[in-house]
Amino acid sequence: MEKLNLIYSKFNGMDLIEASGEIDVYNSFEFKKIVEDLIDTGSRQIIIDLEKVHYVDSSGLGALINQRTKMQKAGGDLFLVKISDQIRSVLELTKMTVFFKIFKNREELMNLQAAS
């Protein structure tokens, strides 16, 4: 078990959470808490940078799904950027690549938003 580290900042007016380590049964509640706090304080666009997350189990996947659903109900959205091959594999196996908005990097997300 590796510790989950979450760093919060702003990126182009959006809330950014940079995660590293593992999102699993032992620490998925930490991830859920930070996202819920952002939603409760009015955040409507959250970027989750997963470049340094090398492992996600079913609890971690559940936390990601749960938080995107909560964000959608609040009228916002949650975006995933820089996902690792392991996380992409989990999302593909569970057919969640159609549920999440996934971007190669933050710039790709910004370019898409600027175009719409």
PDB file of N, CA and C in Angstrom:
ATOM      1  N   MET A   1       0.843  -1.184   0.000  1.00  0.00           N
ATOM      2  CA  MET A   1       0.000   0.000   0.000  1.00  0.00           C
ATOM      3  C   MET A   1       0.884   1.241   0.000  1.00  0.00           C
ATOM      4  N   GLU A   2       0.633   2.112  -0.961  1.00  0.00           N
ATOM      5  CA  GLU A   2       1.369   3.378  -1.036  1.00  0.00           C
ATOM      6  C   GLU A   2       0.429   4.512  -0.679  1.00  0.00           C
ATOM      7  N   LYS A   3       0.951   5.470   0.020  1.00  0.00           N
ATOM      8  CA  LYS A   3       0.174   6.620   0.445  1.00  0.00           C
ATOM      9  C   LYS A   3      -0.338   7.401  -0.761  1.00  0.00           C
ATOM     10  N   LEU A   4      -1.525   7.956  -0.628  1.00  0.00           N
ATOM     11  CA  LEU A   4      -2.097   8.843  -1.632  1.00  0.00           C
ATOM     12  C   LEU A   4      -1.744  10.270  -1.244  1.00  0.00           C
ATOM     13  N   ASN A   5      -1.184  11.007  -2.179  1.00  0.00           N
ATOM     14  CA  ASN A   5      -0.896  12.424  -1.968  1.00  0.00           C
ATOM     15  C   ASN A   5      -1.768  13.229  -2.906  1.00  0.00           C
ATOM     16  N   LEU A   6      -2.409  14.255  -2.374  1.00  0.00           N
ATOM     17  CA  LEU A   6      -3.284  15.126  -3.153  1.00  0.00           C
ATOM     18  C   LEU A   6      -2.829  16.563  -2.974  1.00  0.00           C
ATOM     19  N   ILE A   7      -2.557  17.226  -4.083  1.00  0.00           N
ATOM     20  CA  ILE A   7      -2.148  18.632  -4.055  1.00  0.00           C
ATOM     21  C   ILE A   7      -3.208  19.437  -4.782  1.00  0.00           C
ATOM     22  N   TYR A   8      -3.740  20.446  -4.104  1.00  0.00           N
ATOM     23  CA  TYR A   8      -4.785  21.288  -4.678  1.00  0.00           C
ATOM     24  C   TYR A   8      -4.182  22.603  -5.172  1.00  0.00           C
ATOM     25  N   SER A   9      -4.639  23.053  -6.334  1.00  0.00           N
ATOM     26  CA  SER A   9      -4.269  24.379  -6.845  1.00  0.00           C
ATOM     27  C   SER A   9      -5.329  24.809  -7.850  1.00  0.00           C
ATOM     28  N   LYS A  10      -5.098  25.941  -8.482  1.00  0.00           N
ATOM     29  CA  LYS A  10      -5.978  26.438  -9.545  1.00  0.00           C
ATOM     30  C   LYS A  10      -5.226  26.362 -10.865  1.00  0.00           C
ATOM     31  N   PHE A  11      -5.965  26.091 -11.945  1.00  0.00           N
ATOM     32  CA  PHE A  11      -5.398  26.081 -13.291  1.00  0.00           C
ATOM     33  C   PHE A  11      -6.418  26.705 -14.231  1.00  0.00           C
ATOM     34  N   ASN A  12      -6.081  27.851 -14.786  1.00  0.00           N
ATOM     35  CA  ASN A  12      -6.986  28.574 -15.705  1.00  0.00           C
ATOM     36  C   ASN A  12      -8.388  28.732 -15.121  1.00  0.00           C
ATOM     37  N   GLY A  13      -8.466  29.066 -13.850  1.00  0.00           N
ATOM     38  CA  GLY A  13      -9.750  29.285 -13.195  1.00  0.00           C
ATOM     39  C   GLY A  13     -10.480  28.026 -12.764  1.00  0.00           C
ATOM     40  N   MET A  14      -9.889  26.882 -13.038  1.00  0.00           N
ATOM     41  CA  MET A  14     -10.508  25.613 -12.644  1.00  0.00           C
ATOM     42  C   MET A  14      -9.773  25.054 -11.433  1.00  0.00           C
ATOM     43  N   ASP A  15     -10.476  24.250 -10.638  1.00  0.00           N
ATOM     44  CA  ASP A  15      -9.831  23.583  -9.515  1.00  0.00           C
ATOM     45  C   ASP A  15      -9.034  22.395 -10.044  1.00  0.00           C
ATOM     46  N   LEU A  16      -7.826  22.244  -9.546  1.00  0.00           N
ATOM     47  CA  LEU A  16      -6.930  21.176  -9.989  1.00  0.00           C
ATOM     48  C   LEU A  16      -6.498  20.361  -8.785  1.00  0.00           C
ATOM     49  N   ILE A  17      -6.636  19.044  -8.901  1.00  0.00           N
ATOM     50  CA  ILE A  17      -6.126  18.126  -7.885  1.00  0.00           C
ATOM     51  C   ILE A  17      -5.087  17.245  -8.565  1.00  0.00           C
ATOM     52  N   GLU A  18      -3.850  17.354  -8.106  1.00  0.00           N
ATOM     53  CA  GLU A  18      -2.781  16.499  -8.605  1.00  0.00           C
ATOM     54  C   GLU A  18      -2.616  15.360  -7.610  1.00  0.00           C
ATOM     55  N   ALA A  19      -2.868  14.151  -8.081  1.00  0.00           N
ATOM     56  CA  ALA A  19      -2.797  12.982  -7.213  1.00  0.00           C
ATOM     57  C   ALA A  19      -1.536  12.188  -7.526  1.00  0.00           C
ATOM     58  N   SER A  20      -0.993  11.547  -6.493  1.00  0.00           N
ATOM     59  CA  SER A  20       0.133  10.636  -6.697  1.00  0.00           C
ATOM     60  C   SER A  20       0.005   9.482  -5.716  1.00  0.00           C
ATOM     61  N   GLY A  21       0.573   8.345  -6.100  1.00  0.00           N
ATOM     62  CA  GLY A  21       0.490   7.149  -5.260  1.00  0.00           C
ATOM     63  C   GLY A  21      -0.582   6.210  -5.754  1.00  0.00           C
ATOM     64  N   GLU A  22      -1.406   5.736  -4.831  1.00  0.00           N
ATOM     65  CA  GLU A  22      -2.469   4.787  -5.142  1.00  0.00           C
ATOM     66  C   GLU A  22      -3.805   5.326  -4.650  1.00  0.00           C
ATOM     67  N   ILE A  23      -4.853   5.039  -5.419  1.00  0.00           N
ATOM     68  CA  ILE A  23      -6.215   5.326  -4.963  1.00  0.00           C
ATOM     69  C   ILE A  23      -6.870   3.963  -4.773  1.00  0.00           C
ATOM     70  N   ASP A  24      -6.987   3.569  -3.501  1.00  0.00           N
ATOM     71  CA  ASP A  24      -7.478   2.231  -3.209  1.00  0.00           C
ATOM     72  C   ASP A  24      -8.391   2.226  -1.992  1.00  0.00           C
ATOM     73  N   VAL A  25      -8.751   1.047  -1.540  1.00  0.00           N
ATOM     74  CA  VAL A  25      -9.681   0.883  -0.426  1.00  0.00           C
ATOM     75  C   VAL A  25      -9.182   1.595   0.836  1.00  0.00           C
ATOM     76  N   TYR A  26      -7.885   1.750   0.985  1.00  0.00           N
ATOM     77  CA  TYR A  26      -7.320   2.348   2.193  1.00  0.00           C
ATOM     78  C   TYR A  26      -7.357   3.865   2.190  1.00  0.00           C
ATOM     79  N   ASN A  27      -7.461   4.479   1.014  1.00  0.00           N
ATOM     80  CA  ASN A  27      -7.372   5.934   0.999  1.00  0.00           C
ATOM     81  C   ASN A  27      -8.346   6.623   0.044  1.00  0.00           C
ATOM     82  N   SER A  28      -9.250   5.896  -0.577  1.00  0.00           N
ATOM     83  CA  SER A  28     -10.178   6.525  -1.517  1.00  0.00           C
ATOM     84  C   SER A  28     -11.058   7.570  -0.827  1.00  0.00           C
ATOM     85  N   PHE A  29     -11.286   7.420   0.484  1.00  0.00           N
ATOM     86  CA  PHE A  29     -12.081   8.392   1.228  1.00  0.00           C
ATOM     87  C   PHE A  29     -11.406   9.759   1.239  1.00  0.00           C
ATOM     88  N   GLU A  30     -10.068   9.811   1.238  1.00  0.00           N
ATOM     89  CA  GLU A  30      -9.353  11.087   1.192  1.00  0.00           C
ATOM     90  C   GLU A  30      -9.660  11.819  -0.112  1.00  0.00           C
ATOM     91  N   PHE A  31      -9.630  11.056  -1.206  1.00  0.00           N
ATOM     92  CA  PHE A  31      -9.928  11.636  -2.509  1.00  0.00           C
ATOM     93  C   PHE A  31     -11.366  12.162  -2.535  1.00  0.00           C
ATOM     94  N   LYS A  32     -12.310  11.332  -2.074  1.00  0.00           N
ATOM     95  CA  LYS A  32     -13.709  11.740  -2.066  1.00  0.00           C
ATOM     96  C   LYS A  32     -13.913  13.001  -1.238  1.00  0.00           C
ATOM     97  N   LYS A  33     -13.236  13.090  -0.119  1.00  0.00           N
ATOM     98  CA  LYS A  33     -13.410  14.238   0.780  1.00  0.00           C
ATOM     99  C   LYS A  33     -12.974  15.539   0.115  1.00  0.00           C
ATOM    100  N   ILE A  34     -11.812  15.556  -0.517  1.00  0.00           N
ATOM    101  CA  ILE A  34     -11.343  16.803  -1.129  1.00  0.00           C
ATOM    102  C   ILE A  34     -12.267  17.245  -2.260  1.00  0.00           C
ATOM    103  N   VAL A  35     -12.758  16.301  -3.068  1.00  0.00           N
ATOM    104  CA  VAL A  35     -13.669  16.658  -4.157  1.00  0.00           C
ATOM    105  C   VAL A  35     -15.005  17.138  -3.594  1.00  0.00           C
ATOM    106  N   GLU A  36     -15.537  16.449  -2.597  1.00  0.00           N
ATOM    107  CA  GLU A  36     -16.797  16.870  -1.981  1.00  0.00           C
ATOM    108  C   GLU A  36     -16.674  18.261  -1.370  1.00  0.00           C
ATOM    109  N   ASP A  37     -15.543  18.554  -0.732  1.00  0.00           N
ATOM    110  CA  ASP A  37     -15.332  19.884  -0.166  1.00  0.00           C
ATOM    111  C   ASP A  37     -15.342  20.947  -1.261  1.00  0.00           C
ATOM    112  N   LEU A  38     -14.720  20.646  -2.397  1.00  0.00           N
ATOM    113  CA  LEU A  38     -14.716  21.606  -3.506  1.00  0.00           C
ATOM    114  C   LEU A  38     -16.126  21.820  -4.053  1.00  0.00           C
ATOM    115  N   ILE A  39     -16.881  20.747  -4.208  1.00  0.00           N
ATOM    116  CA  ILE A  39     -18.259  20.865  -4.692  1.00  0.00           C
ATOM    117  C   ILE A  39     -19.095  21.689  -3.713  1.00  0.00           C
ATOM    118  N   ASP A  40     -18.934  21.405  -2.421  1.00  0.00           N
ATOM    119  CA  ASP A  40     -19.694  22.116  -1.390  1.00  0.00           C
ATOM    120  C   ASP A  40     -19.372  23.604  -1.331  1.00  0.00           C
ATOM    121  N   THR A  41     -18.169  23.980  -1.766  1.00  0.00           N
ATOM    122  CA  THR A  41     -17.791  25.397  -1.750  1.00  0.00           C
ATOM    123  C   THR A  41     -18.020  26.073  -3.108  1.00  0.00           C
ATOM    124  N   GLY A  42     -18.717  25.377  -4.017  1.00  0.00           N
ATOM    125  CA  GLY A  42     -19.131  26.007  -5.260  1.00  0.00           C
ATOM    126  C   GLY A  42     -18.325  25.677  -6.498  1.00  0.00           C
ATOM    127  N   SER A  43     -17.360  24.809  -6.394  1.00  0.00           N
ATOM    128  CA  SER A  43     -16.585  24.439  -7.570  1.00  0.00           C
ATOM    129  C   SER A  43     -17.477  23.734  -8.586  1.00  0.00           C
ATOM    130  N   ARG A  44     -17.312  24.081  -9.858  1.00  0.00           N
ATOM    131  CA  ARG A  44     -18.107  23.442 -10.906  1.00  0.00           C
ATOM    132  C   ARG A  44     -17.242  22.855 -12.014  1.00  0.00           C
ATOM    133  N   GLN A  45     -15.935  23.014 -11.919  1.00  0.00           N
ATOM    134  CA  GLN A  45     -15.025  22.387 -12.874  1.00  0.00           C
ATOM    135  C   GLN A  45     -13.773  21.949 -12.118  1.00  0.00           C
ATOM    136  N   ILE A  46     -13.577  20.643 -12.084  1.00  0.00           N
ATOM    137  CA  ILE A  46     -12.432  20.080 -11.374  1.00  0.00           C
ATOM    138  C   ILE A  46     -11.631  19.212 -12.341  1.00  0.00           C
ATOM    139  N   ILE A  47     -10.334  19.453 -12.351  1.00  0.00           N
ATOM    140  CA  ILE A  47      -9.408  18.635 -13.130  1.00  0.00           C
ATOM    141  C   ILE A  47      -8.702  17.704 -12.157  1.00  0.00           C
ATOM    142  N   ILE A  48      -8.695  16.418 -12.464  1.00  0.00           N
ATOM    143  CA  ILE A  48      -7.947  15.446 -11.668  1.00  0.00           C
ATOM    144  C   ILE A  48      -6.760  14.993 -12.517  1.00  0.00           C
ATOM    145  N   ASP A  49      -5.567  15.352 -12.087  1.00  0.00           N
ATOM    146  CA  ASP A  49      -4.331  14.973 -12.782  1.00  0.00           C
ATOM    147  C   ASP A  49      -3.843  13.664 -12.163  1.00  0.00           C
ATOM    148  N   LEU A  50      -3.857  12.598 -12.958  1.00  0.00           N
ATOM    149  CA  LEU A  50      -3.523  11.264 -12.457  1.00  0.00           C
ATOM    150  C   LEU A  50      -2.174  10.759 -12.964  1.00  0.00           C
ATOM    151  N   GLU A  51      -1.343  11.663 -13.455  1.00  0.00           N
ATOM    152  CA  GLU A  51      -0.055  11.252 -14.028  1.00  0.00           C
ATOM    153  C   GLU A  51       0.784  10.414 -13.067  1.00  0.00           C
ATOM    154  N   LYS A  52       0.744  10.741 -11.786  1.00  0.00           N
ATOM    155  CA  LYS A  52       1.596  10.056 -10.818  1.00  0.00           C
ATOM    156  C   LYS A  52       0.855   9.001  -9.998  1.00  0.00           C
ATOM    157  N   VAL A  53      -0.352   8.669 -10.426  1.00  0.00           N
ATOM    158  CA  VAL A  53      -1.093   7.583  -9.783  1.00  0.00           C
ATOM    159  C   VAL A  53      -0.832   6.327 -10.596  1.00  0.00           C
ATOM    160  N   HIS A  54      -0.260   5.334  -9.956  1.00  0.00           N
ATOM    161  CA  HIS A  54       0.096   4.122 -10.689  1.00  0.00           C
ATOM    162  C   HIS A  54      -0.800   2.931 -10.370  1.00  0.00           C
ATOM    163  N   TYR A  55      -1.777   3.120  -9.477  1.00  0.00           N
ATOM    164  CA  TYR A  55      -2.661   2.011  -9.135  1.00  0.00           C
ATOM    165  C   TYR A  55      -4.008   2.533  -8.661  1.00  0.00           C
ATOM    166  N   VAL A  56      -5.076   1.962  -9.210  1.00  0.00           N
ATOM    167  CA  VAL A  56      -6.436   2.254  -8.777  1.00  0.00           C
ATOM    168  C   VAL A  56      -7.159   0.920  -8.656  1.00  0.00           C
ATOM    169  N   ASP A  57      -7.754   0.655  -7.475  1.00  0.00           N
ATOM    170  CA  ASP A  57      -8.545  -0.567  -7.328  1.00  0.00           C
ATOM    171  C   ASP A  57     -10.029  -0.223  -7.480  1.00  0.00           C
ATOM    172  N   SER A  58     -10.901  -1.177  -7.210  1.00  0.00           N
ATOM    173  CA  SER A  58     -12.338  -0.950  -7.401  1.00  0.00           C
ATOM    174  C   SER A  58     -12.871   0.157  -6.494  1.00  0.00           C
ATOM    175  N   SER A  59     -12.311   0.302  -5.305  1.00  0.00           N
ATOM    176  CA  SER A  59     -12.732   1.388  -4.409  1.00  0.00           C
ATOM    177  C   SER A  59     -12.327   2.741  -4.982  1.00  0.00           C
ATOM    178  N   GLY A  60     -11.131   2.810  -5.533  1.00  0.00           N
ATOM    179  CA  GLY A  60     -10.664   4.043  -6.153  1.00  0.00           C
ATOM    180  C   GLY A  60     -11.496   4.398  -7.373  1.00  0.00           C
ATOM    181  N   LEU A  61     -11.796   3.389  -8.191  1.00  0.00           N
ATOM    182  CA  LEU A  61     -12.639   3.616  -9.362  1.00  0.00           C
ATOM    183  C   LEU A  61     -14.029   4.081  -8.923  1.00  0.00           C
ATOM    184  N   GLY A  62     -14.553   3.442  -7.885  1.00  0.00           N
ATOM    185  CA  GLY A  62     -15.846   3.852  -7.354  1.00  0.00           C
ATOM    186  C   GLY A  62     -15.842   5.293  -6.875  1.00  0.00           C
ATOM    187  N   ALA A  63     -14.752   5.706  -6.244  1.00  0.00           N
ATOM    188  CA  ALA A  63     -14.634   7.091  -5.770  1.00  0.00           C
ATOM    189  C   ALA A  63     -14.628   8.061  -6.952  1.00  0.00           C
ATOM    190  N   LEU A  64     -13.903   7.734  -8.010  1.00  0.00           N
ATOM    191  CA  LEU A  64     -13.875   8.594  -9.201  1.00  0.00           C
ATOM    192  C   LEU A  64     -15.264   8.703  -9.825  1.00  0.00           C
ATOM    193  N   ILE A  65     -15.937   7.568  -9.964  1.00  0.00           N
ATOM    194  CA  ILE A  65     -17.278   7.555 -10.550  1.00  0.00           C
ATOM    195  C   ILE A  65     -18.244   8.359  -9.687  1.00  0.00           C
ATOM    196  N   ASN A  66     -18.198   8.125  -8.383  1.00  0.00           N
ATOM    197  CA  ASN A  66     -19.084   8.806  -7.442  1.00  0.00           C
ATOM    198  C   ASN A  66     -18.898  10.319  -7.498  1.00  0.00           C
ATOM    199  N   GLN A  67     -17.661  10.769  -7.555  1.00  0.00           N
ATOM    200  CA  GLN A  67     -17.410  12.203  -7.534  1.00  0.00           C
ATOM    201  C   GLN A  67     -17.787  12.865  -8.859  1.00  0.00           C
ATOM    202  N   ARG A  68     -17.594  12.177  -9.972  1.00  0.00           N
ATOM    203  CA  ARG A  68     -18.034  12.766 -11.253  1.00  0.00           C
ATOM    204  C   ARG A  68     -19.550  12.873 -11.269  1.00  0.00           C
ATOM    205  N   THR A  69     -20.235  11.853 -10.760  1.00  0.00           N
ATOM    206  CA  THR A  69     -21.695  11.885 -10.697  1.00  0.00           C
ATOM    207  C   THR A  69     -22.165  13.045  -9.826  1.00  0.00           C
ATOM    208  N   LYS A  70     -21.549  13.232  -8.667  1.00  0.00           N
ATOM    209  CA  LYS A  70     -21.921  14.348  -7.780  1.00  0.00           C
ATOM    210  C   LYS A  70     -21.684  15.683  -8.464  1.00  0.00           C
ATOM    211  N   MET A  71     -20.572  15.794  -9.178  1.00  0.00           N
ATOM    212  CA  MET A  71     -20.259  17.043  -9.867  1.00  0.00           C
ATOM    213  C   MET A  71     -21.287  17.321 -10.958  1.00  0.00           C
ATOM    214  N   GLN A  72     -21.690  16.289 -11.700  1.00  0.00           N
ATOM    215  CA  GLN A  72     -22.709  16.475 -12.738  1.00  0.00           C
ATOM    216  C   GLN A  72     -24.043  16.921 -12.127  1.00  0.00           C
ATOM    217  N   LYS A  73     -24.421  16.314 -11.001  1.00  0.00           N
ATOM    218  CA  LYS A  73     -25.671  16.696 -10.330  1.00  0.00           C
ATOM    219  C   LYS A  73     -25.619  18.140  -9.842  1.00  0.00           C
ATOM    220  N   ALA A  74     -24.404  18.625  -9.529  1.00  0.00           N
ATOM    221  CA  ALA A  74     -24.234  19.997  -9.073  1.00  0.00           C
ATOM    222  C   ALA A  74     -24.152  20.972 -10.245  1.00  0.00           C
ATOM    223  N   GLY A  75     -24.230  20.454 -11.473  1.00  0.00           N
ATOM    224  CA  GLY A  75     -24.198  21.315 -12.650  1.00  0.00           C
ATOM    225  C   GLY A  75     -22.804  21.576 -13.192  1.00  0.00           C
ATOM    226  N   GLY A  76     -21.847  20.770 -12.777  1.00  0.00           N
ATOM    227  CA  GLY A  76     -20.478  20.963 -13.233  1.00  0.00           C
ATOM    228  C   GLY A  76     -19.916  19.726 -13.888  1.00  0.00           C
ATOM    229  N   ASP A  77     -18.586  19.643 -13.911  1.00  0.00           N
ATOM    230  CA  ASP A  77     -17.957  18.477 -14.500  1.00  0.00           C
ATOM    231  C   ASP A  77     -16.598  18.216 -13.870  1.00  0.00           C
ATOM    232  N   LEU A  78     -16.165  16.992 -14.015  1.00  0.00           N
ATOM    233  CA  LEU A  78     -14.879  16.526 -13.501  1.00  0.00           C
ATOM    234  C   LEU A  78     -14.125  15.915 -14.684  1.00  0.00           C
ATOM    235  N   PHE A  79     -12.893  16.368 -14.873  1.00  0.00           N
ATOM    236  CA  PHE A  79     -12.083  15.937 -16.006  1.00  0.00           C
ATOM    237  C   PHE A  79     -10.859  15.171 -15.513  1.00  0.00           C
ATOM    238  N   LEU A  80     -10.485  14.129 -16.236  1.00  0.00           N
ATOM    239  CA  LEU A  80      -9.272  13.377 -15.922  1.00  0.00           C
ATOM    240  C   LEU A  80      -8.204  13.725 -16.943  1.00  0.00           C
ATOM    241  N   VAL A  81      -6.995  14.011 -16.472  1.00  0.00           N
ATOM    242  CA  VAL A  81      -5.877  14.296 -17.374  1.00  0.00           C
ATOM    243  C   VAL A  81      -4.678  13.441 -17.007  1.00  0.00           C
ATOM    244  N   LYS A  82      -3.866  13.166 -18.025  1.00  0.00           N
ATOM    245  CA  LYS A  82      -2.601  12.445 -17.874  1.00  0.00           C
ATOM    246  C   LYS A  82      -2.755  11.110 -17.139  1.00  0.00           C
ATOM    247  N   ILE A  83      -3.700  10.296 -17.586  1.00  0.00           N
ATOM    248  CA  ILE A  83      -3.893   9.016 -16.905  1.00  0.00           C
ATOM    249  C   ILE A  83      -2.820   8.016 -17.344  1.00  0.00           C
ATOM    250  N   SER A  84      -2.404   7.201 -16.400  1.00  0.00           N
ATOM    251  CA  SER A  84      -1.381   6.198 -16.676  1.00  0.00           C
ATOM    252  C   SER A  84      -1.975   5.033 -17.474  1.00  0.00           C
ATOM    253  N   ASP A  85      -1.104   4.195 -17.999  1.00  0.00           N
ATOM    254  CA  ASP A  85      -1.560   3.019 -18.742  1.00  0.00           C
ATOM    255  C   ASP A  85      -2.391   2.096 -17.854  1.00  0.00           C
ATOM    256  N   GLN A  86      -2.012   1.955 -16.578  1.00  0.00           N
ATOM    257  CA  GLN A  86      -2.760   1.084 -15.654  1.00  0.00           C
ATOM    258  C   GLN A  86      -4.174   1.613 -15.454  1.00  0.00           C
ATOM    259  N   ILE A  87      -4.297   2.909 -15.255  1.00  0.00           N
ATOM    260  CA  ILE A  87      -5.621   3.485 -15.033  1.00  0.00           C
ATOM    261  C   ILE A  87      -6.440   3.417 -16.321  1.00  0.00           C
ATOM    262  N   ARG A  88      -5.818   3.685 -17.453  1.00  0.00           N
ATOM    263  CA  ARG A  88      -6.531   3.573 -18.729  1.00  0.00           C
ATOM    264  C   ARG A  88      -7.053   2.147 -18.924  1.00  0.00           C
ATOM    265  N   SER A  89      -6.234   1.163 -18.578  1.00  0.00           N
ATOM    266  CA  SER A  89      -6.631  -0.232 -18.702  1.00  0.00           C
ATOM    267  C   SER A  89      -7.849  -0.531 -17.831  1.00  0.00           C
ATOM    268  N   VAL A  90      -7.833  -0.060 -16.589  1.00  0.00           N
ATOM    269  CA  VAL A  90      -8.973  -0.268 -15.685  1.00  0.00           C
ATOM    270  C   VAL A  90     -10.221   0.393 -16.256  1.00  0.00           C
ATOM    271  N   LEU A  91     -10.080   1.625 -16.751  1.00  0.00           N
ATOM    272  CA  LEU A  91     -11.232   2.335 -17.305  1.00  0.00           C
ATOM    273  C   LEU A  91     -11.768   1.648 -18.566  1.00  0.00           C
ATOM    274  N   GLU A  92     -10.871   1.118 -19.384  1.00  0.00           N
ATOM    275  CA  GLU A  92     -11.302   0.415 -20.594  1.00  0.00           C
ATOM    276  C   GLU A  92     -11.990  -0.906 -20.249  1.00  0.00           C
ATOM    277  N   LEU A  93     -11.427  -1.648 -19.308  1.00  0.00           N
ATOM    278  CA  LEU A  93     -12.027  -2.933 -18.918  1.00  0.00           C
ATOM    279  C   LEU A  93     -13.425  -2.766 -18.332  1.00  0.00           C
ATOM    280  N   THR A  94     -13.631  -1.665 -17.642  1.00  0.00           N
ATOM    281  CA  THR A  94     -14.922  -1.423 -16.995  1.00  0.00           C
ATOM    282  C   THR A  94     -15.852  -0.554 -17.851  1.00  0.00           C
ATOM    283  N   LYS A  95     -15.408  -0.258 -19.068  1.00  0.00           N
ATOM    284  CA  LYS A  95     -16.192   0.560 -20.014  1.00  0.00           C
ATOM    285  C   LYS A  95     -16.447   1.979 -19.492  1.00  0.00           C
ATOM    286  N   MET A  96     -15.569   2.477 -18.642  1.00  0.00           N
ATOM    287  CA  MET A  96     -15.735   3.796 -18.061  1.00  0.00           C
ATOM    288  C   MET A  96     -15.084   4.908 -18.889  1.00  0.00           C
ATOM    289  N   THR A  97     -14.423   4.540 -19.969  1.00  0.00           N
ATOM    290  CA  THR A  97     -13.828   5.583 -20.825  1.00  0.00           C
ATOM    291  C   THR A  97     -14.915   6.429 -21.487  1.00  0.00           C
ATOM    292  N   VAL A  98     -16.124   5.899 -21.602  1.00  0.00           N
ATOM    293  CA  VAL A  98     -17.226   6.693 -22.158  1.00  0.00           C
ATOM    294  C   VAL A  98     -17.890   7.560 -21.085  1.00  0.00           C
ATOM    295  N   PHE A  99     -17.707   7.221 -19.831  1.00  0.00           N
ATOM    296  CA  PHE A  99     -18.291   7.985 -18.725  1.00  0.00           C
ATOM    297  C   PHE A  99     -17.451   9.211 -18.371  1.00  0.00           C
ATOM    298  N   PHE A 100     -16.145   9.047 -18.379  1.00  0.00           N
ATOM    299  CA  PHE A 100     -15.241  10.133 -18.003  1.00  0.00           C
ATOM    300  C   PHE A 100     -14.804  10.939 -19.215  1.00  0.00           C
ATOM    301  N   LYS A 101     -14.535  12.205 -18.992  1.00  0.00           N
ATOM    302  CA  LYS A 101     -13.917  13.057 -20.005  1.00  0.00           C
ATOM    303  C   LYS A 101     -12.418  13.014 -19.727  1.00  0.00           C
ATOM    304  N   ILE A 102     -11.683  12.358 -20.630  1.00  0.00           N
ATOM    305  CA  ILE A 102     -10.259  12.087 -20.431  1.00  0.00           C
ATOM    306  C   ILE A 102      -9.446  12.872 -21.456  1.00  0.00           C
ATOM    307  N   PHE A 103      -8.391  13.538 -20.976  1.00  0.00           N
ATOM    308  CA  PHE A 103      -7.535  14.341 -21.838  1.00  0.00           C
ATOM    309  C   PHE A 103      -6.079  13.956 -21.638  1.00  0.00           C
ATOM    310  N   LYS A 104      -5.298  14.078 -22.709  1.00  0.00           N
ATOM    311  CA  LYS A 104      -3.870  13.746 -22.629  1.00  0.00           C
ATOM    312  C   LYS A 104      -3.148  14.628 -21.617  1.00  0.00           C
ATOM    313  N   ASN A 105      -3.536  15.903 -21.576  1.00  0.00           N
ATOM    314  CA  ASN A 105      -2.902  16.860 -20.671  1.00  0.00           C
ATOM    315  C   ASN A 105      -3.849  18.040 -20.453  1.00  0.00           C
ATOM    316  N   ARG A 106      -3.448  18.969 -19.623  1.00  0.00           N
ATOM    317  CA  ARG A 106      -4.295  20.127 -19.308  1.00  0.00           C
ATOM    318  C   ARG A 106      -4.491  21.022 -20.519  1.00  0.00           C
ATOM    319  N   GLU A 107      -3.466  21.141 -21.342  1.00  0.00           N
ATOM    320  CA  GLU A 107      -3.538  21.996 -22.518  1.00  0.00           C
ATOM    321  C   GLU A 107      -4.599  21.497 -23.501  1.00  0.00           C
ATOM    322  N   GLU A 108      -4.678  20.173 -23.693  1.00  0.00           N
ATOM    323  CA  GLU A 108      -5.702  19.613 -24.571  1.00  0.00           C
ATOM    324  C   GLU A 108      -7.106  19.959 -24.051  1.00  0.00           C
ATOM    325  N   LEU A 109      -7.288  19.878 -22.760  1.00  0.00           N
ATOM    326  CA  LEU A 109      -8.564  20.246 -22.139  1.00  0.00           C
ATOM    327  C   LEU A 109      -8.872  21.718 -22.392  1.00  0.00           C
ATOM    328  N   MET A 110      -7.903  22.589 -22.191  1.00  0.00           N
ATOM    329  CA  MET A 110      -8.100  24.028 -22.381  1.00  0.00           C
ATOM    330  C   MET A 110      -8.407  24.332 -23.849  1.00  0.00           C
ATOM    331  N   ASN A 111      -7.721  23.689 -24.768  1.00  0.00           N
ATOM    332  CA  ASN A 111      -7.961  23.909 -26.201  1.00  0.00           C
ATOM    333  C   ASN A 111      -9.369  23.492 -26.589  1.00  0.00           C
ATOM    334  N   LEU A 112      -9.826  22.386 -26.050  1.00  0.00           N
ATOM    335  CA  LEU A 112     -11.172  21.907 -26.369  1.00  0.00           C
ATOM    336  C   LEU A 112     -12.220  22.871 -25.813  1.00  0.00           C
ATOM    337  N   GLN A 113     -12.000  23.357 -24.598  1.00  0.00           N
ATOM    338  CA  GLN A 113     -12.963  24.278 -24.002  1.00  0.00           C
ATOM    339  C   GLN A 113     -12.982  25.610 -24.745  1.00  0.00           C
ATOM    340  N   ALA A 114     -11.818  26.063 -25.191  1.00  0.00           N
ATOM    341  CA  ALA A 114     -11.738  27.332 -25.933  1.00  0.00           C
ATOM    342  C   ALA A 114     -12.462  27.220 -27.273  1.00  0.00           C
ATOM    343  N   ALA A 115     -12.446  26.022 -27.856  1.00  0.00           N
ATOM    344  CA  ALA A 115     -13.074  25.811 -29.159  1.00  0.00           C
ATOM    345  C   ALA A 115     -14.594  25.706 -29.057  1.00  0.00           C
ATOM    346  N   SER A 116     -15.088  25.387 -27.862  1.00  0.00           N
ATOM    347  CA  SER A 116     -16.557  25.212 -27.740  1.00  0.00           C
ATOM    348  C   SER A 116     -17.260  26.450 -27.250  1.00  0.00           C
TER     349      SER A 116
END
